[in-house]
N, C-alpha and C. Protein backbone atom coordinates (compact mmCIF):
# COMPACT_ATOMS: atom_id res chain seq x y z
N UNK A 1 19.26 31.70 -22.21
CA UNK A 1 19.78 31.37 -20.89
C UNK A 1 19.66 29.87 -20.66
N UNK A 2 20.69 29.27 -20.13
CA UNK A 2 20.72 27.82 -19.94
C UNK A 2 20.38 27.49 -18.49
N UNK A 3 19.18 26.91 -18.30
CA UNK A 3 18.74 26.55 -16.95
C UNK A 3 19.10 25.12 -16.64
N UNK A 4 19.54 24.89 -15.41
CA UNK A 4 19.77 23.52 -14.98
C UNK A 4 18.44 22.91 -14.58
N UNK A 5 18.21 21.75 -15.10
CA UNK A 5 16.99 21.02 -14.72
C UNK A 5 17.40 19.93 -13.75
N UNK A 6 16.88 20.03 -12.55
CA UNK A 6 17.23 18.99 -11.58
C UNK A 6 16.20 17.87 -11.65
N UNK A 7 16.70 16.68 -11.78
CA UNK A 7 15.82 15.51 -11.82
C UNK A 7 15.77 14.95 -10.41
N UNK A 8 14.55 14.90 -9.84
CA UNK A 8 14.46 14.41 -8.45
C UNK A 8 14.88 12.95 -8.36
N UNK A 9 15.63 12.65 -7.32
CA UNK A 9 16.01 11.26 -7.09
C UNK A 9 14.75 10.47 -6.79
N UNK A 10 14.78 9.23 -7.21
CA UNK A 10 13.64 8.35 -6.92
C UNK A 10 13.41 8.35 -5.42
N UNK A 11 12.16 8.47 -5.05
CA UNK A 11 11.81 8.50 -3.64
C UNK A 11 12.18 7.18 -2.98
N UNK A 12 12.82 7.27 -1.82
CA UNK A 12 13.21 6.07 -1.09
C UNK A 12 11.96 5.35 -0.60
N UNK A 13 11.93 4.05 -0.76
CA UNK A 13 10.81 3.23 -0.31
C UNK A 13 11.24 2.43 0.91
N UNK A 14 10.31 2.25 1.84
CA UNK A 14 10.58 1.49 3.05
C UNK A 14 9.97 0.10 2.93
N UNK A 15 10.81 -0.91 3.14
CA UNK A 15 10.36 -2.30 3.08
C UNK A 15 10.58 -2.94 4.45
N UNK A 16 9.53 -3.56 4.96
CA UNK A 16 9.61 -4.30 6.21
C UNK A 16 9.86 -5.76 5.86
N UNK A 17 11.00 -6.28 6.28
CA UNK A 17 11.32 -7.69 6.07
C UNK A 17 11.00 -8.44 7.36
N UNK A 18 10.12 -9.42 7.24
CA UNK A 18 9.72 -10.23 8.39
C UNK A 18 10.28 -11.63 8.16
N UNK A 19 11.31 -11.97 8.92
CA UNK A 19 12.07 -13.19 8.64
C UNK A 19 12.75 -13.66 9.93
N UNK A 20 12.48 -14.89 10.35
CA UNK A 20 13.07 -15.38 11.60
C UNK A 20 14.50 -15.90 11.42
N UNK A 21 14.90 -16.15 10.19
CA UNK A 21 16.24 -16.67 9.91
C UNK A 21 17.15 -15.52 9.48
N UNK A 22 18.17 -15.24 10.30
CA UNK A 22 19.04 -14.09 10.03
C UNK A 22 19.75 -14.20 8.69
N UNK A 23 20.16 -15.41 8.31
CA UNK A 23 20.83 -15.60 7.03
C UNK A 23 19.91 -15.22 5.87
N UNK A 24 18.64 -15.60 5.98
CA UNK A 24 17.67 -15.23 4.95
C UNK A 24 17.47 -13.72 4.89
N UNK A 25 17.46 -13.07 6.07
CA UNK A 25 17.37 -11.61 6.10
C UNK A 25 18.57 -10.98 5.40
N UNK A 26 19.77 -11.48 5.71
CA UNK A 26 20.98 -10.91 5.11
C UNK A 26 20.98 -11.09 3.59
N UNK A 27 20.44 -12.22 3.12
CA UNK A 27 20.33 -12.45 1.68
C UNK A 27 19.36 -11.42 1.06
N UNK A 28 18.22 -11.23 1.69
CA UNK A 28 17.25 -10.23 1.18
C UNK A 28 17.86 -8.84 1.19
N UNK A 29 18.59 -8.52 2.25
CA UNK A 29 19.25 -7.22 2.36
C UNK A 29 20.23 -7.04 1.18
N UNK A 30 20.97 -8.09 0.85
CA UNK A 30 21.92 -8.02 -0.26
C UNK A 30 21.19 -7.89 -1.60
N UNK A 31 20.09 -8.63 -1.76
CA UNK A 31 19.32 -8.58 -3.01
C UNK A 31 18.71 -7.19 -3.24
N UNK A 32 18.38 -6.51 -2.15
CA UNK A 32 17.73 -5.20 -2.25
C UNK A 32 18.72 -4.03 -2.20
N UNK A 33 19.99 -4.33 -2.02
CA UNK A 33 21.00 -3.28 -1.84
C UNK A 33 21.10 -2.35 -3.04
N UNK A 34 20.82 -2.85 -4.23
CA UNK A 34 20.94 -2.01 -5.43
C UNK A 34 19.80 -1.01 -5.58
N UNK A 35 18.72 -1.22 -4.82
CA UNK A 35 17.57 -0.32 -4.91
C UNK A 35 17.65 0.80 -3.89
N UNK A 36 16.72 1.73 -3.99
CA UNK A 36 16.66 2.86 -3.08
C UNK A 36 15.67 2.53 -1.96
N UNK A 37 16.08 1.59 -1.08
CA UNK A 37 15.18 1.09 -0.05
C UNK A 37 15.76 1.30 1.34
N UNK A 38 14.86 1.66 2.25
CA UNK A 38 15.18 1.62 3.67
C UNK A 38 14.55 0.34 4.19
N UNK A 39 15.32 -0.45 4.94
CA UNK A 39 14.81 -1.74 5.40
C UNK A 39 14.54 -1.72 6.89
N UNK A 40 13.38 -2.27 7.24
CA UNK A 40 13.04 -2.52 8.64
C UNK A 40 13.06 -4.03 8.80
N UNK A 41 13.34 -4.52 10.00
CA UNK A 41 13.51 -5.96 10.20
C UNK A 41 12.77 -6.44 11.44
N UNK A 42 11.91 -7.43 11.25
CA UNK A 42 11.21 -8.08 12.35
C UNK A 42 11.46 -9.58 12.26
N UNK A 43 11.55 -10.24 13.41
CA UNK A 43 11.86 -11.67 13.40
C UNK A 43 10.63 -12.56 13.58
N UNK A 44 9.46 -11.95 13.78
CA UNK A 44 8.22 -12.73 13.84
C UNK A 44 7.04 -11.81 13.54
N UNK A 45 5.88 -12.41 13.36
CA UNK A 45 4.70 -11.64 12.97
C UNK A 45 4.26 -10.62 13.99
N UNK A 46 4.38 -10.96 15.26
CA UNK A 46 3.97 -10.02 16.32
C UNK A 46 4.83 -8.77 16.27
N UNK A 47 6.15 -8.96 16.13
CA UNK A 47 7.08 -7.84 16.03
C UNK A 47 6.79 -7.01 14.77
N UNK A 48 6.43 -7.70 13.68
CA UNK A 48 6.13 -7.02 12.42
C UNK A 48 4.95 -6.06 12.58
N UNK A 49 3.92 -6.51 13.27
CA UNK A 49 2.73 -5.67 13.49
C UNK A 49 3.11 -4.43 14.30
N UNK A 50 3.91 -4.63 15.35
CA UNK A 50 4.35 -3.50 16.18
C UNK A 50 5.18 -2.51 15.36
N UNK A 51 6.10 -3.03 14.55
CA UNK A 51 6.95 -2.16 13.72
C UNK A 51 6.13 -1.39 12.70
N UNK A 52 5.15 -2.06 12.10
CA UNK A 52 4.32 -1.41 11.10
C UNK A 52 3.47 -0.29 11.72
N UNK A 53 2.98 -0.52 12.92
CA UNK A 53 2.20 0.51 13.61
C UNK A 53 3.07 1.71 13.96
N UNK A 54 4.36 1.47 14.28
CA UNK A 54 5.29 2.56 14.59
C UNK A 54 5.79 3.25 13.32
N UNK A 55 5.72 2.57 12.19
CA UNK A 55 6.23 3.08 10.92
C UNK A 55 5.15 2.96 9.83
N UNK A 56 4.06 3.72 9.98
CA UNK A 56 2.94 3.59 9.04
C UNK A 56 3.28 4.00 7.61
N UNK A 57 4.43 4.67 7.43
CA UNK A 57 4.84 5.09 6.08
C UNK A 57 5.48 3.94 5.30
N UNK A 58 5.59 2.76 5.91
CA UNK A 58 6.18 1.59 5.25
C UNK A 58 5.44 1.31 3.94
N UNK A 59 6.21 1.03 2.88
CA UNK A 59 5.64 0.87 1.55
C UNK A 59 5.31 -0.57 1.15
N UNK A 60 6.01 -1.54 1.75
CA UNK A 60 5.83 -2.93 1.33
C UNK A 60 6.35 -3.86 2.41
N UNK A 61 5.78 -5.07 2.48
CA UNK A 61 6.23 -6.07 3.46
C UNK A 61 6.64 -7.34 2.72
N UNK A 62 7.80 -7.87 3.09
CA UNK A 62 8.23 -9.21 2.66
C UNK A 62 8.00 -10.11 3.87
N UNK A 63 7.02 -11.00 3.79
CA UNK A 63 6.55 -11.75 4.95
C UNK A 63 6.89 -13.23 4.83
N UNK A 64 7.80 -13.68 5.70
CA UNK A 64 8.05 -15.12 5.79
C UNK A 64 6.78 -15.76 6.36
N UNK A 65 6.44 -16.95 5.90
CA UNK A 65 5.21 -17.58 6.37
C UNK A 65 5.41 -18.46 7.60
N UNK A 66 6.56 -19.11 7.69
CA UNK A 66 6.82 -20.02 8.81
C UNK A 66 7.76 -19.36 9.81
N UNK A 67 7.19 -18.93 10.96
CA UNK A 67 7.98 -18.27 11.99
C UNK A 67 7.44 -18.63 13.37
N UNK A 68 8.29 -18.50 14.40
CA UNK A 68 7.79 -18.70 15.77
C UNK A 68 6.98 -17.49 16.23
N UNK A 69 6.36 -17.59 17.36
CA UNK A 69 5.54 -16.56 18.02
C UNK A 69 4.25 -16.29 17.25
N UNK A 70 4.36 -15.77 16.02
CA UNK A 70 3.19 -15.57 15.15
C UNK A 70 3.66 -15.76 13.72
N UNK A 71 3.01 -16.69 13.00
CA UNK A 71 3.45 -16.95 11.62
C UNK A 71 2.96 -15.87 10.66
N UNK A 72 3.42 -15.95 9.44
CA UNK A 72 3.11 -14.93 8.43
C UNK A 72 1.65 -14.88 8.02
N UNK A 73 0.98 -16.03 8.07
CA UNK A 73 -0.45 -16.05 7.72
C UNK A 73 -1.25 -15.21 8.71
N UNK A 74 -1.04 -15.49 10.01
CA UNK A 74 -1.77 -14.76 11.05
C UNK A 74 -1.39 -13.28 11.06
N UNK A 75 -0.09 -13.00 10.91
CA UNK A 75 0.36 -11.61 10.90
C UNK A 75 -0.26 -10.84 9.74
N UNK A 76 -0.33 -11.46 8.57
CA UNK A 76 -0.93 -10.80 7.40
C UNK A 76 -2.40 -10.50 7.65
N UNK A 77 -3.12 -11.46 8.24
CA UNK A 77 -4.54 -11.24 8.55
C UNK A 77 -4.71 -10.08 9.53
N UNK A 78 -3.86 -10.03 10.55
CA UNK A 78 -3.97 -8.95 11.55
C UNK A 78 -3.58 -7.59 10.94
N UNK A 79 -2.59 -7.57 10.07
CA UNK A 79 -2.20 -6.33 9.40
C UNK A 79 -3.36 -5.81 8.55
N UNK A 80 -4.06 -6.69 7.88
CA UNK A 80 -5.19 -6.29 7.04
C UNK A 80 -6.32 -5.67 7.85
N UNK A 81 -6.37 -5.94 9.15
CA UNK A 81 -7.40 -5.34 10.01
C UNK A 81 -7.18 -3.83 10.16
N UNK A 82 -5.92 -3.37 10.08
CA UNK A 82 -5.66 -1.93 10.24
C UNK A 82 -4.98 -1.29 9.04
N UNK A 83 -4.52 -2.09 8.09
CA UNK A 83 -3.91 -1.54 6.88
C UNK A 83 -4.28 -2.43 5.70
N UNK A 84 -5.26 -2.00 4.95
CA UNK A 84 -5.77 -2.81 3.83
C UNK A 84 -4.95 -2.61 2.55
N UNK A 85 -4.13 -1.58 2.50
CA UNK A 85 -3.48 -1.20 1.24
C UNK A 85 -2.02 -1.59 1.08
N UNK A 86 -1.31 -1.82 2.18
CA UNK A 86 0.12 -2.10 2.05
C UNK A 86 0.33 -3.43 1.31
N UNK A 87 1.18 -3.42 0.28
CA UNK A 87 1.45 -4.67 -0.43
C UNK A 87 2.25 -5.64 0.46
N UNK A 88 1.84 -6.90 0.46
CA UNK A 88 2.54 -7.94 1.21
C UNK A 88 2.93 -9.06 0.25
N UNK A 89 4.23 -9.37 0.22
CA UNK A 89 4.71 -10.50 -0.57
C UNK A 89 5.08 -11.61 0.41
N UNK A 90 4.37 -12.73 0.31
CA UNK A 90 4.68 -13.89 1.15
C UNK A 90 5.94 -14.56 0.60
N UNK A 91 6.77 -15.06 1.50
CA UNK A 91 7.98 -15.78 1.08
C UNK A 91 8.11 -17.03 1.94
N UNK A 92 8.42 -18.14 1.30
CA UNK A 92 8.57 -19.38 2.05
C UNK A 92 9.50 -20.36 1.36
N UNK A 93 10.16 -21.16 2.18
CA UNK A 93 11.02 -22.23 1.66
C UNK A 93 10.20 -23.49 1.46
N UNK A 94 9.03 -23.53 2.07
CA UNK A 94 8.19 -24.73 2.01
C UNK A 94 7.07 -24.52 1.00
N UNK A 95 7.39 -24.68 -0.27
CA UNK A 95 6.43 -24.40 -1.34
C UNK A 95 5.52 -25.60 -1.55
N UNK A 96 4.57 -25.77 -0.66
CA UNK A 96 3.62 -26.87 -0.78
C UNK A 96 2.44 -26.44 -1.64
N UNK A 97 1.83 -27.41 -2.27
CA UNK A 97 0.65 -27.13 -3.09
C UNK A 97 -0.41 -26.48 -2.20
N UNK A 98 -0.94 -25.36 -2.64
CA UNK A 98 -1.98 -24.67 -1.87
C UNK A 98 -1.45 -23.55 -1.00
N UNK A 99 -0.12 -23.51 -0.74
CA UNK A 99 0.45 -22.43 0.08
C UNK A 99 0.21 -21.07 -0.55
N UNK A 100 0.35 -21.01 -1.87
CA UNK A 100 0.14 -19.76 -2.59
C UNK A 100 -1.27 -19.24 -2.31
N UNK A 101 -2.26 -20.09 -2.50
CA UNK A 101 -3.65 -19.69 -2.30
C UNK A 101 -3.91 -19.32 -0.84
N UNK A 102 -3.32 -20.10 0.08
CA UNK A 102 -3.50 -19.83 1.51
C UNK A 102 -2.92 -18.45 1.87
N UNK A 103 -1.77 -18.11 1.27
CA UNK A 103 -1.14 -16.81 1.52
C UNK A 103 -2.02 -15.68 1.00
N UNK A 104 -2.57 -15.85 -0.20
CA UNK A 104 -3.45 -14.83 -0.79
C UNK A 104 -4.70 -14.65 0.08
N UNK A 105 -5.26 -15.76 0.54
CA UNK A 105 -6.45 -15.71 1.39
C UNK A 105 -6.15 -15.02 2.72
N UNK A 106 -4.92 -15.12 3.20
CA UNK A 106 -4.53 -14.48 4.47
C UNK A 106 -4.32 -12.98 4.30
N UNK A 107 -4.30 -12.50 3.04
CA UNK A 107 -4.15 -11.06 2.82
C UNK A 107 -2.90 -10.67 2.06
N UNK A 108 -2.11 -11.64 1.64
CA UNK A 108 -0.90 -11.32 0.87
C UNK A 108 -1.29 -11.01 -0.57
N UNK A 109 -0.50 -10.14 -1.20
CA UNK A 109 -0.75 -9.74 -2.58
C UNK A 109 -0.02 -10.61 -3.59
N UNK A 110 1.09 -11.19 -3.15
CA UNK A 110 1.90 -12.01 -4.05
C UNK A 110 2.67 -13.01 -3.21
N UNK A 111 3.42 -13.87 -3.87
CA UNK A 111 4.05 -15.02 -3.24
C UNK A 111 5.34 -15.32 -3.97
N UNK A 112 6.41 -15.60 -3.22
CA UNK A 112 7.68 -15.96 -3.82
C UNK A 112 8.29 -17.11 -3.02
N UNK A 113 8.91 -18.06 -3.73
CA UNK A 113 9.51 -19.19 -3.03
C UNK A 113 11.01 -19.03 -2.90
N UNK A 114 11.55 -19.61 -1.83
CA UNK A 114 12.99 -19.61 -1.60
C UNK A 114 13.58 -20.82 -2.30
N UNK A 115 14.78 -20.80 -2.82
CA UNK A 115 15.66 -19.63 -2.81
C UNK A 115 15.14 -18.53 -3.73
N UNK A 116 15.17 -17.31 -3.22
CA UNK A 116 14.62 -16.17 -3.94
C UNK A 116 15.60 -15.71 -5.01
N UNK A 117 15.08 -15.54 -6.21
CA UNK A 117 15.88 -15.02 -7.32
C UNK A 117 15.70 -13.51 -7.35
N UNK A 118 16.83 -12.79 -7.43
CA UNK A 118 16.82 -11.33 -7.37
C UNK A 118 15.88 -10.72 -8.40
N UNK A 119 15.96 -11.16 -9.66
CA UNK A 119 15.13 -10.57 -10.72
C UNK A 119 13.64 -10.77 -10.44
N UNK A 120 13.28 -11.96 -9.94
CA UNK A 120 11.87 -12.23 -9.62
C UNK A 120 11.39 -11.32 -8.50
N UNK A 121 12.21 -11.20 -7.46
CA UNK A 121 11.85 -10.37 -6.31
C UNK A 121 11.69 -8.91 -6.72
N UNK A 122 12.68 -8.37 -7.43
CA UNK A 122 12.63 -6.96 -7.83
C UNK A 122 11.45 -6.68 -8.77
N UNK A 123 11.13 -7.65 -9.64
CA UNK A 123 9.98 -7.48 -10.53
C UNK A 123 8.68 -7.40 -9.75
N UNK A 124 8.52 -8.28 -8.75
CA UNK A 124 7.30 -8.28 -7.94
C UNK A 124 7.18 -6.98 -7.13
N UNK A 125 8.32 -6.52 -6.57
CA UNK A 125 8.31 -5.27 -5.80
C UNK A 125 7.93 -4.10 -6.70
N UNK A 126 8.52 -4.06 -7.88
CA UNK A 126 8.25 -2.97 -8.82
C UNK A 126 6.76 -2.89 -9.18
N UNK A 127 6.17 -4.04 -9.45
CA UNK A 127 4.73 -4.09 -9.80
C UNK A 127 3.87 -3.61 -8.62
N UNK A 128 4.19 -4.08 -7.42
CA UNK A 128 3.35 -3.75 -6.26
C UNK A 128 3.55 -2.31 -5.75
N UNK A 129 4.69 -1.71 -6.05
CA UNK A 129 4.92 -0.33 -5.58
C UNK A 129 4.43 0.72 -6.58
N UNK A 130 3.91 0.30 -7.72
CA UNK A 130 3.41 1.29 -8.69
C UNK A 130 2.08 1.85 -8.25
């Protein structure tokens, strides 16, 4: 007897993009379009914290570091107070010496500089979602 074996589709992952620049968000949305991702969008750190609390099933955060209201460093620190496990990738256009270390110290797991290269971003996401 020939049985059909159904292969489960890869589970959809939820990514919270925290980015004050809409063009940068649209670029990230395009870079992630080939993956099986649901995207949430916040324009500052304060909004990101609220969204994460409403969506605790979120799998990963792409956190811009320079934003109004609350920057990515402070938002990452506050997120770590209630969620120690969610992977956070810091992203910034201002790649100054020491920013990488400052982002890690704030609670980020990894760091990527703009302009973001699709292969680099997807590789970092893949590693952190395992």
